[in-house]
C-alpha atoms as a PDB file:
ATOM      1  CA  MET A   1      23.376  11.454  28.033  1.00  0.00           C
ATOM      2  CA  ILE A   2      24.440  14.183  30.174  1.00  0.00           C
ATOM      3  CA  GLY A   3      22.731  15.135  33.717  1.00  0.00           C
ATOM      4  CA  VAL A   4      23.675  17.962  35.944  1.00  0.00           C
ATOM      5  CA  ILE A   5      21.694  18.562  39.322  1.00  0.00           C
ATOM      6  CA  PHE A   6      21.166  22.369  40.266  1.00  0.00           C
ATOM      7  CA  GLN A   7      19.845  23.771  43.574  1.00  0.00           C
ATOM      8  CA  HIS A   8      17.392  26.758  43.447  1.00  0.00           C
ATOM      9  CA  THR A   9      16.255  27.969  47.045  1.00  0.00           C
ATOM     10  CA  ASN A  10      15.496  24.527  48.919  1.00  0.00           C
ATOM     11  CA  GLN A  11      14.560  22.667  45.873  1.00  0.00           C
ATOM     12  CA  LEU A  12      16.861  20.407  43.579  1.00  0.00           C
ATOM     13  CA  ILE A  13      16.324  20.287  40.022  1.00  0.00           C
ATOM     14  CA  ASP A  14      17.950  17.158  37.906  1.00  0.00           C
ATOM     15  CA  VAL A  15      18.131  18.314  34.107  1.00  0.00           C
ATOM     16  CA  ARG A  16      19.146  15.528  31.348  1.00  0.00           C
ATOM     17  CA  VAL A  17      20.468  16.359  27.763  1.00  0.00           C
ATOM     18  CA  ILE A  18      19.660  13.045  25.638  1.00  0.00           C
ATOM     19  CA  GLY A  19      20.454  13.764  21.834  1.00  0.00           C
ATOM     20  CA  ASN A  20      18.295  16.853  20.932  1.00  0.00           C
ATOM     21  CA  GLU A  21      15.654  16.386  24.011  1.00  0.00           C
ATOM     22  CA  CYS A  22      15.931  18.366  27.375  1.00  0.00           C
ATOM     23  CA  LEU A  23      14.404  16.783  30.157  1.00  0.00           C
ATOM     24  CA  PHE A  24      13.821  18.240  33.804  1.00  0.00           C
ATOM     25  CA  ARG A  25      12.649  16.552  37.414  1.00  0.00           C
ATOM     26  CA  THR A  26      12.143  17.963  40.592  1.00  0.00           C
ATOM     27  CA  ASN A  27      10.104  16.567  43.685  1.00  0.00           C
ATOM     28  CA  ASP A  28       6.894  18.391  42.096  1.00  0.00           C
ATOM     29  CA  PHE A  29       6.618  15.979  39.255  1.00  0.00           C
ATOM     30  CA  GLY A  30       6.757  13.102  41.069  1.00  0.00           C
ATOM     31  CA  GLY A  31       9.946  11.675  40.032  1.00  0.00           C
ATOM     32  CA  ALA A  32       9.296  11.839  36.450  1.00  0.00           C
ATOM     33  CA  TYR A  33      11.346  13.657  33.860  1.00  0.00           C
ATOM     34  CA  VAL A  34       9.254  15.865  31.581  1.00  0.00           C
ATOM     35  CA  SER A  35      10.062  18.232  28.717  1.00  0.00           C
ATOM     36  CA  ILE A  36      10.019  21.848  29.060  1.00  0.00           C
ATOM     37  CA  ASP A  37       6.415  21.757  27.293  1.00  0.00           C
ATOM     38  CA  GLY A  38       5.623  20.674  31.213  1.00  0.00           C
ATOM     39  CA  LEU A  39       7.182  23.362  32.902  1.00  0.00           C
ATOM     40  CA  LYS A  40       5.804  26.331  34.371  1.00  0.00           C
ATOM     41  CA  LEU A  41       7.317  29.490  32.861  1.00  0.00           C
ATOM     42  CA  ASP A  42       7.533  32.614  34.651  1.00  0.00           C
ATOM     43  CA  LYS A  43       6.312  35.697  32.193  1.00  0.00           C
ATOM     44  CA  GLN A  44       8.528  38.131  33.688  1.00  0.00           C
ATOM     45  CA  GLY A  45      11.748  35.773  33.358  1.00  0.00           C
ATOM     46  CA  VAL A  46      10.545  35.074  29.746  1.00  0.00           C
ATOM     47  CA  LEU A  47       9.957  39.042  28.960  1.00  0.00           C
ATOM     48  CA  LYS A  48      13.713  39.470  30.061  1.00  0.00           C
ATOM     49  CA  GLU A  49      15.041  37.332  27.696  1.00  0.00           C
ATOM     50  CA  HIS A  50      12.639  37.899  24.861  1.00  0.00           C
ATOM     51  CA  PRO A  51      11.179  41.426  25.094  1.00  0.00           C
ATOM     52  CA  ASP A  52       9.297  41.172  21.427  1.00  0.00           C
ATOM     53  CA  LEU A  53       7.019  39.014  23.277  1.00  0.00           C
ATOM     54  CA  VAL A  54       5.391  41.492  25.479  1.00  0.00           C
ATOM     55  CA  ASN A  55       2.115  41.885  23.478  1.00  0.00           C
ATOM     56  CA  ASP A  56       2.016  38.515  22.313  1.00  0.00           C
ATOM     57  CA  LYS A  57      -0.841  36.281  23.875  1.00  0.00           C
ATOM     58  CA  ASN A  58       1.233  32.932  22.437  1.00  0.00           C
ATOM     59  CA  TRP A  59       4.477  33.987  24.627  1.00  0.00           C
ATOM     60  CA  ARG A  60       4.772  30.640  26.318  1.00  0.00           C
ATOM     61  CA  GLU A  61       4.414  28.522  23.260  1.00  0.00           C
ATOM     62  CA  ILE A  62       6.715  30.834  21.260  1.00  0.00           C
ATOM     63  CA  THR A  63       9.711  30.753  23.961  1.00  0.00           C
ATOM     64  CA  ILE A  64       9.300  26.719  24.089  1.00  0.00           C
ATOM     65  CA  GLU A  65       9.725  26.696  20.332  1.00  0.00           C
ATOM     66  CA  ARG A  66      12.825  29.055  20.448  1.00  0.00           C
ATOM     67  CA  PHE A  67      14.197  26.900  23.174  1.00  0.00           C
ATOM     68  CA  LYS A  68      13.801  23.483  21.216  1.00  0.00           C
ATOM     69  CA  LYS A  69      14.774  25.246  17.969  1.00  0.00           C
ATOM     70  CA  ARG A  70      18.043  26.616  19.887  1.00  0.00           C
ATOM     71  CA  LEU A  71      18.890  23.158  21.006  1.00  0.00           C
ATOM     72  CA  LYS A  72      18.782  21.555  17.680  1.00  0.00           C
ATOM     73  CA  GLU A  73      20.943  23.881  16.036  1.00  0.00           C
ATOM     74  CA  MET A  74      23.698  22.882  18.634  1.00  0.00           C
ATOM     75  CA  LYS A  75      26.068  20.148  17.708  1.00  0.00           C
ATOM     76  CA  GLY A  76      26.629  17.527  20.530  1.00  0.00           C
ATOM     77  CA  GLU A  77      25.154  17.103  24.132  1.00  0.00           C
ATOM     78  CA  GLU A  78      27.923  18.696  25.853  1.00  0.00           C
ATOM     79  CA  LYS A  79      27.419  22.231  24.247  1.00  0.00           C
ATOM     80  CA  LYS A  80      23.693  21.982  24.574  1.00  0.00           C
ATOM     81  CA  MET A  81      23.873  21.118  28.630  1.00  0.00           C
ATOM     82  CA  ASP A  82      26.785  24.234  28.212  1.00  0.00           C
ATOM     83  CA  TYR A  83      23.841  26.101  27.265  1.00  0.00           C
ATOM     84  CA  VAL A  84      21.523  25.255  29.640  1.00  0.00           C
ATOM     85  CA  ILE A  85      23.854  25.623  32.565  1.00  0.00           C
ATOM     86  CA  THR A  86      24.395  29.301  31.548  1.00  0.00           C
ATOM     87  CA  GLU A  87      20.728  30.085  30.902  1.00  0.00           C
ATOM     88  CA  LEU A  88      19.730  28.354  33.972  1.00  0.00           C
ATOM     89  CA  LYS A  89      22.867  30.225  35.982  1.00  0.00           C
ATOM     90  CA  LYS A  90      21.214  33.719  35.027  1.00  0.00           C
ATOM     91  CA  CYS A  91      17.850  32.591  36.736  1.00  0.00           C
ATOM     92  CA  GLY A  92      19.706  31.831  40.178  1.00  0.00           C
ATOM     93  CA  TYR A  93      20.221  28.167  39.681  1.00  0.00           C
ATOM     94  CA  LYS A  94      23.440  26.852  41.127  1.00  0.00           C
ATOM     95  CA  PRO A  95      25.009  23.731  39.444  1.00  0.00           C
ATOM     96  CA  LEU A  96      26.121  21.008  41.706  1.00  0.00           C
ATOM     97  CA  TYR A  97      26.685  17.731  40.291  1.00  0.00           C
ATOM     98  CA  LYS A  98      27.517  16.848  36.409  1.00  0.00           C
ATOM     99  CA  GLN A  99      26.945  13.311  35.335  1.00  0.00           C
ATOM    100  CA  LYS A 100      27.860  11.792  31.868  1.00  0.00           C
ATOM    101  CA  GLN A 101      26.916   8.436  30.196  1.00  0.00           C
ATOM    102  CA  GLY A 102      25.703   7.105  33.879  1.00  0.00           C
ATOM    103  CA  HIS A 103      29.521   7.580  35.367  1.00  0.00           C
ATOM    104  CA  ARG A 104      30.130   8.950  38.681  1.00  0.00           C
ATOM    105  CA  PRO A 105      28.942  12.468  39.241  1.00  0.00           C
ATOM    106  CA  GLN A 106      31.428  14.974  39.096  1.00  0.00           C
ATOM    107  CA  LYS A 107      31.121  17.683  41.725  1.00  0.00           C
ATOM    108  CA  LEU A 108      30.984  21.266  39.888  1.00  0.00           C
END
């Protein structure tokens, strides 16, 4: 298990990678972790990454499946978390702390 806390505007987002699963938590979810299926996705942001989905009515489902497939292709939680950090940085998220296997968080 690897967790990273991000800051985006005035909100903190906790992201965890456990095996092939990536979970997200903010105050909006009442303190519970949700998978990418439960997240609100911005269509304009998705279209920047996947311009082929411009006229597709199922853009959200296709985007989620591509994300899950990409994570499954990667070996090791560390590489998966590096991918998530890189992708979220592009969207203006700032990584603050990283925690591995329940040890003390390290400042990034």
